C-alpha atoms as a PDB file:
ATOM      1  CA  MET A   1     -14.274  -6.300  -5.472  1.00  0.00           C
ATOM      2  CA  ASN A   2     -14.729  -2.574  -5.487  1.00  0.00           C
ATOM      3  CA  ASN A   3     -15.014  -1.823  -1.771  1.00  0.00           C
ATOM      4  CA  PRO A   4     -13.345   1.535  -1.064  1.00  0.00           C
ATOM      5  CA  GLU A   5     -12.997   0.802   2.661  1.00  0.00           C
ATOM      6  CA  MET A   6     -11.274  -2.534   2.014  1.00  0.00           C
ATOM      7  CA  ASN A   7      -9.093  -0.983  -0.690  1.00  0.00           C
ATOM      8  CA  MET A   8      -7.976   1.640   1.849  1.00  0.00           C
ATOM      9  CA  LYS A   9      -7.032  -1.112   4.305  1.00  0.00           C
ATOM     10  CA  PHE A  10      -5.098  -2.910   1.571  1.00  0.00           C
ATOM     11  CA  MET A  11      -3.301   0.331   0.666  1.00  0.00           C
ATOM     12  CA  GLN A  12      -2.352   0.812   4.324  1.00  0.00           C
ATOM     13  CA  ILE A  13      -0.883  -2.706   4.367  1.00  0.00           C
ATOM     14  CA  ALA A  14       1.043  -2.026   1.155  1.00  0.00           C
ATOM     15  CA  MET A  15       2.375   1.261   2.557  1.00  0.00           C
ATOM     16  CA  LYS A  16       3.457  -0.514   5.745  1.00  0.00           C
ATOM     17  CA  HIS A  17       5.679  -2.832   3.693  1.00  0.00           C
ATOM     18  CA  LEU A  18       6.838  -0.171   1.229  1.00  0.00           C
ATOM     19  CA  PRO A  19      10.122   0.617   3.057  1.00  0.00           C
ATOM     20  CA  GLU A  20      11.130  -3.057   2.883  1.00  0.00           C
ATOM     21  CA  GLY A  21      10.363  -3.195  -0.836  1.00  0.00           C
ATOM     22  CA  LYS A  22      12.154   0.084  -1.497  1.00  0.00           C
ATOM     23  CA  LYS A  23      15.215  -1.153   0.406  1.00  0.00           C
ATOM     24  CA  PHE A  24      15.243  -4.331  -1.690  1.00  0.00           C
ATOM     25  CA  LEU A  25      15.089  -2.330  -4.924  1.00  0.00           C
ATOM     26  CA  ASP A  26      17.746   0.124  -3.704  1.00  0.00           C
ATOM     27  CA  GLU A  27      20.082  -2.780  -2.886  1.00  0.00           C
ATOM     28  CA  LYS A  28      19.595  -4.032  -6.450  1.00  0.00           C
ATOM     29  CA  GLY A  29      20.538  -0.603  -7.775  1.00  0.00           C
ATOM     30  CA  ILE A  30      16.998   0.244  -8.854  1.00  0.00           C
ATOM     31  CA  GLU A  31      16.116   3.781  -7.822  1.00  0.00           C
ATOM     32  CA  LEU A  32      12.435   4.673  -7.766  1.00  0.00           C
ATOM     33  CA  ASN A  33      10.614   7.697  -6.409  1.00  0.00           C
ATOM     34  CA  MET A  34       7.082   7.692  -4.992  1.00  0.00           C
ATOM     35  CA  GLU A  35       5.626   8.502  -8.405  1.00  0.00           C
ATOM     36  CA  ASP A  36       7.331   5.405  -9.817  1.00  0.00           C
ATOM     37  CA  LEU A  37       6.177   3.272  -6.885  1.00  0.00           C
ATOM     38  CA  GLN A  38       2.481   4.189  -7.239  1.00  0.00           C
ATOM     39  CA  PRO A  39       1.755   1.586  -9.959  1.00  0.00           C
ATOM     40  CA  MET A  40       3.437  -1.074  -7.788  1.00  0.00           C
ATOM     41  CA  LEU A  41       1.264  -0.105  -4.820  1.00  0.00           C
ATOM     42  CA  GLU A  42      -1.825  -0.387  -7.023  1.00  0.00           C
ATOM     43  CA  LEU A  43      -0.656  -3.812  -8.187  1.00  0.00           C
ATOM     44  CA  LEU A  44      -0.228  -4.944  -4.566  1.00  0.00           C
ATOM     45  CA  VAL A  45      -3.719  -3.698  -3.706  1.00  0.00           C
ATOM     46  CA  ASN A  46      -5.130  -5.642  -6.666  1.00  0.00           C
ATOM     47  CA  VAL A  47      -3.294  -8.802  -5.582  1.00  0.00           C
ATOM     48  CA  MET A  48      -4.554  -8.462  -1.998  1.00  0.00           C
ATOM     49  CA  SER A  49      -8.091  -7.846  -3.223  1.00  0.00           C
ATOM     50  CA  GLU A  50      -8.017 -10.907  -5.467  1.00  0.00           C
ATOM     51  CA  ALA A  51      -6.577 -13.060  -2.663  1.00  0.00           C
ATOM     52  CA  TYR A  52      -9.273 -11.775  -0.297  1.00  0.00           C
ATOM     53  CA  GLU A  53     -12.023 -12.675  -2.769  1.00  0.00           C
ATOM     54  CA  LEU A  54     -10.488 -16.123  -3.318  1.00  0.00           C
ATOM     55  CA  GLY A  55     -10.441 -16.710   0.437  1.00  0.00           C
ATOM     56  CA  LYS A  56     -14.080 -15.649   0.709  1.00  0.00           C
ATOM     57  CA  GLU A  57     -15.062 -18.061  -2.066  1.00  0.00           C
ATOM     58  CA  GLU A  58     -13.182 -20.960  -0.466  1.00  0.00           C
ATOM     59  CA  THR A  59     -14.998 -20.490   2.843  1.00  0.00           C
ATOM     60  CA  LYS A  60     -18.416 -20.891   1.198  1.00  0.00           C
END
């Protein structure tokens, strides 16, 4: 799926959960800045997009 509007919604969801993920990494002693976290956010958006498409297919 290459829907910019949906990708923006997915990015907003990922950003909402970013503090929880960052806290988890910090507790493990893994320090990352926003530049380092960008690829992880993109990965989360890809996962959400794929899950969304799978859900759409299963409802057909």
